[in-house]
PDB file of all heavy atoms in Angstrom:
ATOM      1  N   GLY A   1     106.926 102.667  72.715  1.00  0.00           N
ATOM      2  CA  GLY A   1     105.983 103.420  73.549  1.00  0.00           C
ATOM      3  C   GLY A   1     104.737 103.875  72.819  1.00  0.00           C
ATOM      4  O   GLY A   1     103.894 104.538  73.397  1.00  0.00           O
ATOM      5  N   SER A   2     104.582 103.561  71.526  1.00  0.00           N
ATOM      6  CA  SER A   2     103.449 104.061  70.756  1.00  0.00           C
ATOM      7  C   SER A   2     102.250 103.125  70.782  1.00  0.00           C
ATOM      8  O   SER A   2     101.230 103.407  70.173  1.00  0.00           O
ATOM      9  CB  SER A   2     103.879 104.283  69.296  1.00  0.00           C
ATOM     10  OG  SER A   2     104.236 103.042  68.698  1.00  0.00           O
ATOM     11  N   LYS A   3     102.352 101.995  71.453  1.00  0.00           N
ATOM     12  CA  LYS A   3     101.257 101.045  71.508  1.00  0.00           C
ATOM     13  C   LYS A   3     100.099 101.635  72.295  1.00  0.00           C
ATOM     14  O   LYS A   3     100.262 102.121  73.406  1.00  0.00           O
ATOM     15  CB  LYS A   3     101.717  99.737  72.146  1.00  0.00           C
ATOM     16  CG  LYS A   3     100.647  98.654  72.120  1.00  0.00           C
ATOM     17  CD  LYS A   3     101.173  97.381  72.737  1.00  0.00           C
ATOM     18  CE  LYS A   3     100.095  96.295  72.715  1.00  0.00           C
ATOM     19  NZ  LYS A   3     100.585  95.024  73.339  1.00  0.00           N
ATOM     20  N   LEU A   4      98.911 101.583  71.691  1.00  0.00           N
ATOM     21  CA  LEU A   4      97.739 102.152  72.350  1.00  0.00           C
ATOM     22  C   LEU A   4      97.303 101.276  73.510  1.00  0.00           C
ATOM     23  O   LEU A   4      97.400 100.044  73.441  1.00  0.00           O
ATOM     24  CB  LEU A   4      96.592 102.289  71.340  1.00  0.00           C
ATOM     25  CG  LEU A   4      96.795 103.309  70.217  1.00  0.00           C
ATOM     26  CD1 LEU A   4      95.629 103.238  69.245  1.00  0.00           C
ATOM     27  CD2 LEU A   4      96.914 104.709  70.775  1.00  0.00           C
ATOM     28  N   PRO A   5      96.795 101.895  74.589  1.00  0.00           N
ATOM     29  CA  PRO A   5      96.300 101.088  75.717  1.00  0.00           C
ATOM     30  C   PRO A   5      95.038 100.338  75.323  1.00  0.00           C
ATOM     31  O   PRO A   5      94.371 100.668  74.346  1.00  0.00           O
ATOM     32  CB  PRO A   5      96.021 102.129  76.797  1.00  0.00           C
ATOM     33  CG  PRO A   5      95.784 103.401  76.051  1.00  0.00           C
ATOM     34  CD  PRO A   5      96.679 103.333  74.844  1.00  0.00           C
ATOM     35  N   HIS A   6      94.694  99.327  76.097  1.00  0.00           N
ATOM     36  CA  HIS A   6      93.477  98.567  75.852  1.00  0.00           C
ATOM     37  C   HIS A   6      92.249  99.452  76.061  1.00  0.00           C
ATOM     38  O   HIS A   6      92.284 100.445  76.794  1.00  0.00           O
ATOM     39  CB  HIS A   6      93.407  97.363  76.781  1.00  0.00           C
ATOM     40  CG  HIS A   6      94.499  96.355  76.546  1.00  0.00           C
ATOM     41  ND1 HIS A   6      94.580  95.606  75.391  1.00  0.00           N
ATOM     42  CD2 HIS A   6      95.548  95.974  77.313  1.00  0.00           C
ATOM     43  CE1 HIS A   6      95.620  94.803  75.463  1.00  0.00           C
ATOM     44  NE2 HIS A   6      96.235  95.011  76.626  1.00  0.00           N
ATOM     45  N   ARG A   7      91.161  99.106  75.411  1.00  0.00           N
ATOM     46  CA  ARG A   7      89.917  99.864  75.573  1.00  0.00           C
ATOM     47  C   ARG A   7      89.448  99.817  77.028  1.00  0.00           C
ATOM     48  O   ARG A   7      89.532  98.779  77.681  1.00  0.00           O
ATOM     49  CB  ARG A   7      88.841  99.305  74.654  1.00  0.00           C
ATOM     50  CG  ARG A   7      89.090  99.584  73.165  1.00  0.00           C
ATOM     51  CD  ARG A   7      87.941  99.045  72.321  1.00  0.00           C
ATOM     52  NE  ARG A   7      88.109  99.368  70.916  1.00  0.00           N
ATOM     53  CZ  ARG A   7      88.801  98.620  70.050  1.00  0.00           C
ATOM     54  NH1 ARG A   7      89.387  97.500  70.471  1.00  0.00           N
ATOM     55  NH2 ARG A   7      88.904  98.979  68.793  1.00  0.00           N
ATOM     56  N   PHE A   8      88.949 100.962  77.479  1.00  0.00           N
ATOM     57  CA  PHE A   8      88.438 101.103  78.843  1.00  0.00           C
ATOM     58  C   PHE A   8      89.489 100.701  79.888  1.00  0.00           C
ATOM     59  O   PHE A   8      89.158 100.161  80.945  1.00  0.00           O
ATOM     60  CB  PHE A   8      87.165 100.253  79.046  1.00  0.00           C
ATOM     61  CG  PHE A   8      86.067 100.563  78.065  1.00  0.00           C
ATOM     62  CD1 PHE A   8      85.754  99.673  77.048  1.00  0.00           C
ATOM     63  CD2 PHE A   8      85.356 101.748  78.149  1.00  0.00           C
ATOM     64  CE1 PHE A   8      84.745  99.957  76.137  1.00  0.00           C
ATOM     65  CE2 PHE A   8      84.354 102.043  77.249  1.00  0.00           C
ATOM     66  CZ  PHE A   8      84.050 101.145  76.238  1.00  0.00           C
ATOM     67  N   SER A   9      90.747 100.978  79.580  1.00  0.00           N
ATOM     68  CA  SER A   9      91.817 100.562  80.493  1.00  0.00           C
ATOM     69  C   SER A   9      91.715 101.253  81.842  1.00  0.00           C
ATOM     70  O   SER A   9      92.039 100.661  82.874  1.00  0.00           O
ATOM     71  CB  SER A   9      93.180 100.844  79.864  1.00  0.00           C
ATOM     72  OG  SER A   9      93.321 102.231  79.586  1.00  0.00           O
ATOM     73  N   MET A  10      91.251 102.514  81.852  1.00  0.00           N
ATOM     74  CA  MET A  10      91.136 103.218  83.127  1.00  0.00           C
ATOM     75  C   MET A  10      90.057 102.580  83.993  1.00  0.00           C
ATOM     76  O   MET A  10      90.270 102.309  85.184  1.00  0.00           O
ATOM     77  CB  MET A  10      90.820 104.694  82.908  1.00  0.00           C
ATOM     78  CG  MET A  10      90.806 105.491  84.215  1.00  0.00           C
ATOM     79  SD  MET A  10      90.284 107.199  84.028  1.00  0.00           S
ATOM     80  CE  MET A  10      88.524 106.970  83.760  1.00  0.00           C
ATOM     81  N   VAL A  11      88.881 102.322  83.398  1.00  0.00           N
ATOM     82  CA  VAL A  11      87.794 101.720  84.158  1.00  0.00           C
ATOM     83  C   VAL A  11      88.188 100.327  84.632  1.00  0.00           C
ATOM     84  O   VAL A  11      87.884  99.926  85.767  1.00  0.00           O
ATOM     85  CB  VAL A  11      86.510 101.658  83.307  1.00  0.00           C
ATOM     86  CG1 VAL A  11      85.387 100.947  84.057  1.00  0.00           C
ATOM     87  CG2 VAL A  11      86.068 103.060  82.913  1.00  0.00           C
ATOM     88  N   ARG A  12      88.889  99.574  83.785  1.00  0.00           N
ATOM     89  CA  ARG A  12      89.299  98.220  84.157  1.00  0.00           C
ATOM     90  C   ARG A  12      90.330  98.228  85.278  1.00  0.00           C
ATOM     91  O   ARG A  12      90.511  97.226  85.972  1.00  0.00           O
ATOM     92  CB  ARG A  12      89.852  97.485  82.926  1.00  0.00           C
ATOM     93  CG  ARG A  12      88.774  97.171  81.892  1.00  0.00           C
ATOM     94  CD  ARG A  12      89.345  96.816  80.553  1.00  0.00           C
ATOM     95  NE  ARG A  12      90.152  95.607  80.611  1.00  0.00           N
ATOM     96  CZ  ARG A  12      90.811  95.119  79.564  1.00  0.00           C
ATOM     97  NH1 ARG A  12      90.756  95.750  78.385  1.00  0.00           N
ATOM     98  NH2 ARG A  12      91.516  94.012  79.682  1.00  0.00           N
ATOM     99  N   SER A  13      91.012  99.369  85.444  1.00  0.00           N
ATOM    100  CA  SER A  13      92.005  99.452  86.518  1.00  0.00           C
ATOM    101  C   SER A  13      91.386  99.819  87.861  1.00  0.00           C
ATOM    102  O   SER A  13      92.063  99.786  88.887  1.00  0.00           O
ATOM    103  CB  SER A  13      93.079 100.483  86.162  1.00  0.00           C
ATOM    104  OG  SER A  13      92.554 101.802  86.187  1.00  0.00           O
ATOM    105  N   PHE A  14      90.099 100.205  87.869  1.00  0.00           N
ATOM    106  CA  PHE A  14      89.448 100.589  89.118  1.00  0.00           C
ATOM    107  C   PHE A  14      89.343  99.397  90.057  1.00  0.00           C
ATOM    108  O   PHE A  14      89.045  98.277  89.653  1.00  0.00           O
ATOM    109  CB  PHE A  14      88.042 101.125  88.841  1.00  0.00           C
ATOM    110  CG  PHE A  14      87.998 102.563  88.403  1.00  0.00           C
ATOM    111  CD1 PHE A  14      89.144 103.303  88.236  1.00  0.00           C
ATOM    112  CD2 PHE A  14      86.779 103.183  88.147  1.00  0.00           C
ATOM    113  CE1 PHE A  14      89.105 104.622  87.821  1.00  0.00           C
ATOM    114  CE2 PHE A  14      86.723 104.498  87.744  1.00  0.00           C
ATOM    115  CZ  PHE A  14      87.896 105.215  87.580  1.00  0.00           C
ATOM    116  N   GLN A  15      89.552  99.688  91.337  1.00  0.00           N
ATOM    117  CA  GLN A  15      89.273  98.724  92.385  1.00  0.00           C
ATOM    118  C   GLN A  15      87.814  98.873  92.825  1.00  0.00           C
ATOM    119  O   GLN A  15      87.149  99.863  92.495  1.00  0.00           O
ATOM    120  CB  GLN A  15      90.208  98.954  93.574  1.00  0.00           C
ATOM    121  CG  GLN A  15      91.679  98.952  93.237  1.00  0.00           C
ATOM    122  CD  GLN A  15      92.179  97.578  92.852  1.00  0.00           C
ATOM    123  OE1 GLN A  15      91.626  96.563  93.276  1.00  0.00           O
ATOM    124  NE2 GLN A  15      93.244  97.528  92.060  1.00  0.00           N
ATOM    125  N   LEU A  16      87.319  97.912  93.591  1.00  0.00           N
ATOM    126  CA  LEU A  16      85.945  97.995  94.079  1.00  0.00           C
ATOM    127  C   LEU A  16      85.718  99.270  94.875  1.00  0.00           C
ATOM    128  O   LEU A  16      84.672  99.922  94.762  1.00  0.00           O
ATOM    129  CB  LEU A  16      85.635  96.766  94.940  1.00  0.00           C
ATOM    130  CG  LEU A  16      84.242  96.721  95.582  1.00  0.00           C
ATOM    131  CD1 LEU A  16      83.153  96.761  94.514  1.00  0.00           C
ATOM    132  CD2 LEU A  16      84.098  95.485  96.459  1.00  0.00           C
ATOM    133  N   ALA A  17      86.716  99.662  95.677  1.00  0.00           N
ATOM    134  CA  ALA A  17      86.593 100.878  96.482  1.00  0.00           C
ATOM    135  C   ALA A  17      86.429 102.117  95.611  1.00  0.00           C
ATOM    136  O   ALA A  17      85.748 103.073  95.992  1.00  0.00           O
ATOM    137  CB  ALA A  17      87.812 101.032  97.387  1.00  0.00           C
ATOM    138  N   ASP A  18      87.042 102.114  94.418  1.00  0.00           N
ATOM    139  CA  ASP A  18      86.920 103.262  93.524  1.00  0.00           C
ATOM    140  C   ASP A  18      85.488 103.414  93.013  1.00  0.00           C
ATOM    141  O   ASP A  18      84.984 104.529  92.864  1.00  0.00           O
ATOM    142  CB  ASP A  18      87.881 103.119  92.345  1.00  0.00           C
ATOM    143  CG  ASP A  18      89.334 103.095  92.779  1.00  0.00           C
ATOM    144  OD1 ASP A  18      89.654 103.739  93.795  1.00  0.00           O
ATOM    145  OD2 ASP A  18      90.152 102.439  92.105  1.00  0.00           O
ATOM    146  N   PHE A  19      84.819 102.302  92.752  1.00  0.00           N
ATOM    147  CA  PHE A  19      83.422 102.375  92.318  1.00  0.00           C
ATOM    148  C   PHE A  19      82.530 102.873  93.454  1.00  0.00           C
ATOM    149  O   PHE A  19      81.563 103.605  93.215  1.00  0.00           O
ATOM    150  CB  PHE A  19      82.954 101.004  91.831  1.00  0.00           C
ATOM    151  CG  PHE A  19      83.520 100.611  90.494  1.00  0.00           C
ATOM    152  CD1 PHE A  19      84.528  99.664  90.403  1.00  0.00           C
ATOM    153  CD2 PHE A  19      83.055 101.198  89.324  1.00  0.00           C
ATOM    154  CE1 PHE A  19      85.061  99.299  89.184  1.00  0.00           C
ATOM    155  CE2 PHE A  19      83.583 100.840  88.091  1.00  0.00           C
ATOM    156  CZ  PHE A  19      84.582  99.890  88.017  1.00  0.00           C
ATOM    157  N   VAL A  20      82.863 102.496  94.689  1.00  0.00           N
ATOM    158  CA  VAL A  20      82.116 103.019  95.834  1.00  0.00           C
ATOM    159  C   VAL A  20      82.317 104.530  95.939  1.00  0.00           C
ATOM    160  O   VAL A  20      81.369 105.292  96.195  1.00  0.00           O
ATOM    161  CB  VAL A  20      82.551 102.316  97.130  1.00  0.00           C
ATOM    162  CG1 VAL A  20      81.817 102.913  98.334  1.00  0.00           C
ATOM    163  CG2 VAL A  20      82.280 100.815  97.052  1.00  0.00           C
ATOM    164  N   THR A  21      83.549 104.978  95.714  1.00  0.00           N
ATOM    165  CA  THR A  21      83.842 106.417  95.733  1.00  0.00           C
ATOM    166  C   THR A  21      83.059 107.149  94.659  1.00  0.00           C
ATOM    167  O   THR A  21      82.560 108.259  94.879  1.00  0.00           O
ATOM    168  CB  THR A  21      85.348 106.653  95.540  1.00  0.00           C
ATOM    169  OG1 THR A  21      86.071 105.986  96.570  1.00  0.00           O
ATOM    170  CG2 THR A  21      85.675 108.131  95.591  1.00  0.00           C
ATOM    171  N   LEU A  22      82.936 106.538  93.482  1.00  0.00           N
ATOM    172  CA  LEU A  22      82.146 107.151  92.416  1.00  0.00           C
ATOM    173  C   LEU A  22      80.691 107.307  92.843  1.00  0.00           C
ATOM    174  O   LEU A  22      80.015 108.247  92.423  1.00  0.00           O
ATOM    175  CB  LEU A  22      82.232 106.313  91.146  1.00  0.00           C
ATOM    176  CG  LEU A  22      83.537 106.421  90.347  1.00  0.00           C
ATOM    177  CD1 LEU A  22      83.522 105.446  89.180  1.00  0.00           C
ATOM    178  CD2 LEU A  22      83.747 107.850  89.846  1.00  0.00           C
ATOM    179  N   GLY A  23      80.200 106.394  93.688  1.00  0.00           N
ATOM    180  CA  GLY A  23      78.850 106.543  94.222  1.00  0.00           C
ATOM    181  C   GLY A  23      78.701 107.836  94.996  1.00  0.00           C
ATOM    182  O   GLY A  23      77.661 108.506  94.915  1.00  0.00           O
ATOM    183  N   ASN A  24      79.736 108.217  95.733  1.00  0.00           N
ATOM    184  CA  ASN A  24      79.746 109.496  96.442  1.00  0.00           C
ATOM    185  C   ASN A  24      79.652 110.647  95.444  1.00  0.00           C
ATOM    186  O   ASN A  24      78.856 111.586  95.633  1.00  0.00           O
ATOM    187  CB  ASN A  24      81.022 109.592  97.278  1.00  0.00           C
ATOM    188  CG  ASN A  24      81.133 110.890  98.051  1.00  0.00           C
ATOM    189  OD1 ASN A  24      80.176 111.644  98.169  1.00  0.00           O
ATOM    190  ND2 ASN A  24      82.316 111.154  98.584  1.00  0.00           N
ATOM    191  N   GLY A  25      80.444 110.581  94.383  1.00  0.00           N
ATOM    192  CA  GLY A  25      80.399 111.636  93.372  1.00  0.00           C
ATOM    193  C   GLY A  25      79.048 111.736  92.693  1.00  0.00           C
ATOM    194  O   GLY A  25      78.564 112.837  92.399  1.00  0.00           O
ATOM    195  N   VAL A  26      78.430 110.590  92.441  1.00  0.00           N
ATOM    196  CA  VAL A  26      77.095 110.577  91.826  1.00  0.00           C
ATOM    197  C   VAL A  26      76.093 111.283  92.738  1.00  0.00           C
ATOM    198  O   VAL A  26      75.261 112.078  92.282  1.00  0.00           O
ATOM    199  CB  VAL A  26      76.653 109.131  91.540  1.00  0.00           C
ATOM    200  CG1 VAL A  26      75.166 109.074  91.178  1.00  0.00           C
ATOM    201  CG2 VAL A  26      77.486 108.538  90.405  1.00  0.00           C
ATOM    202  N   CYS A  27      76.181 111.016  94.035  1.00  0.00           N
ATOM    203  CA  CYS A  27      75.277 111.669  94.990  1.00  0.00           C
ATOM    204  C   CYS A  27      75.454 113.184  94.952  1.00  0.00           C
ATOM    205  O   CYS A  27      74.470 113.940  94.993  1.00  0.00           O
ATOM    206  CB  CYS A  27      75.528 111.138  96.399  1.00  0.00           C
ATOM    207  SG  CYS A  27      75.009 109.435  96.664  1.00  0.00           S
ATOM    208  N   GLY A  28      76.697 113.647  94.881  1.00  0.00           N
ATOM    209  CA  GLY A  28      76.945 115.080  94.814  1.00  0.00           C
ATOM    210  C   GLY A  28      76.368 115.703  93.558  1.00  0.00           C
ATOM    211  O   GLY A  28      75.744 116.774  93.601  1.00  0.00           O
ATOM    212  N   CYS A  29      76.551 115.045  92.413  1.00  0.00           N
ATOM    213  CA  CYS A  29      76.017 115.564  91.149  1.00  0.00           C
ATOM    214  C   CYS A  29      74.495 115.606  91.179  1.00  0.00           C
ATOM    215  O   CYS A  29      73.880 116.590  90.748  1.00  0.00           O
ATOM    216  CB  CYS A  29      76.498 114.699  89.988  1.00  0.00           C
ATOM    217  SG  CYS A  29      78.262 114.840  89.638  1.00  0.00           S
ATOM    218  N   LEU A  30      73.877 114.544  91.684  1.00  0.00           N
ATOM    219  CA  LEU A  30      72.414 114.520  91.762  1.00  0.00           C
ATOM    220  C   LEU A  30      71.888 115.600  92.694  1.00  0.00           C
ATOM    221  O   LEU A  30      70.854 116.228  92.430  1.00  0.00           O
ATOM    222  CB  LEU A  30      71.939 113.147  92.234  1.00  0.00           C
ATOM    223  CG  LEU A  30      72.070 112.000  91.236  1.00  0.00           C
ATOM    224  CD1 LEU A  30      71.662 110.686  91.874  1.00  0.00           C
ATOM    225  CD2 LEU A  30      71.241 112.259  89.976  1.00  0.00           C
ATOM    226  N   SER A  31      72.609 115.848  93.791  1.00  0.00           N
ATOM    227  CA  SER A  31      72.191 116.901  94.711  1.00  0.00           C
ATOM    228  C   SER A  31      72.182 118.260  94.015  1.00  0.00           C
ATOM    229  O   SER A  31      71.233 119.052  94.167  1.00  0.00           O
ATOM    230  CB  SER A  31      73.127 116.933  95.924  1.00  0.00           C
ATOM    231  OG  SER A  31      72.748 117.967  96.819  1.00  0.00           O
ATOM    232  N   LEU A  32      73.214 118.544  93.245  1.00  0.00           N
ATOM    233  CA  LEU A  32      73.277 119.805  92.511  1.00  0.00           C
ATOM    234  C   LEU A  32      72.125 119.926  91.518  1.00  0.00           C
ATOM    235  O   LEU A  32      71.478 120.969  91.415  1.00  0.00           O
ATOM    236  CB  LEU A  32      74.612 119.898  91.760  1.00  0.00           C
ATOM    237  CG  LEU A  32      75.869 120.040  92.620  1.00  0.00           C
ATOM    238  CD1 LEU A  32      77.113 119.808  91.777  1.00  0.00           C
ATOM    239  CD2 LEU A  32      75.923 121.415  93.268  1.00  0.00           C
ATOM    240  N   MET A  33      71.859 118.848  90.788  1.00  0.00           N
ATOM    241  CA  MET A  33      70.809 118.897  89.766  1.00  0.00           C
ATOM    242  C   MET A  33      69.425 119.018  90.384  1.00  0.00           C
ATOM    243  O   MET A  33      68.571 119.767  89.885  1.00  0.00           O
ATOM    244  CB  MET A  33      70.901 117.650  88.887  1.00  0.00           C
ATOM    245  CG  MET A  33      72.170 117.590  88.062  1.00  0.00           C
ATOM    246  SD  MET A  33      72.330 116.032  87.165  1.00  0.00           S
ATOM    247  CE  MET A  33      74.009 116.195  86.537  1.00  0.00           C
ATOM    248  N   PHE A  34      69.188 118.292  91.483  1.00  0.00           N
ATOM    249  CA  PHE A  34      67.892 118.404  92.154  1.00  0.00           C
ATOM    250  C   PHE A  34      67.673 119.812  92.709  1.00  0.00           C
ATOM    251  O   PHE A  34      66.553 120.331  92.695  1.00  0.00           O
ATOM    252  CB  PHE A  34      67.775 117.375  93.278  1.00  0.00           C
ATOM    253  CG  PHE A  34      67.444 115.979  92.816  1.00  0.00           C
ATOM    254  CD1 PHE A  34      68.160 114.890  93.294  1.00  0.00           C
ATOM    255  CD2 PHE A  34      66.411 115.758  91.911  1.00  0.00           C
ATOM    256  CE1 PHE A  34      67.851 113.601  92.875  1.00  0.00           C
ATOM    257  CE2 PHE A  34      66.101 114.476  91.484  1.00  0.00           C
ATOM    258  CZ  PHE A  34      66.820 113.391  91.969  1.00  0.00           C
TER     259      PHE A  34
END
């Protein structure tokens, strides 16, 4: 169980829908900053 995961394993596990969801989060962050 001590084997390290591959680099960027979380990002590589994202589905296309997850990246679309991140677009929603980006909009929220930009709204706060603006």
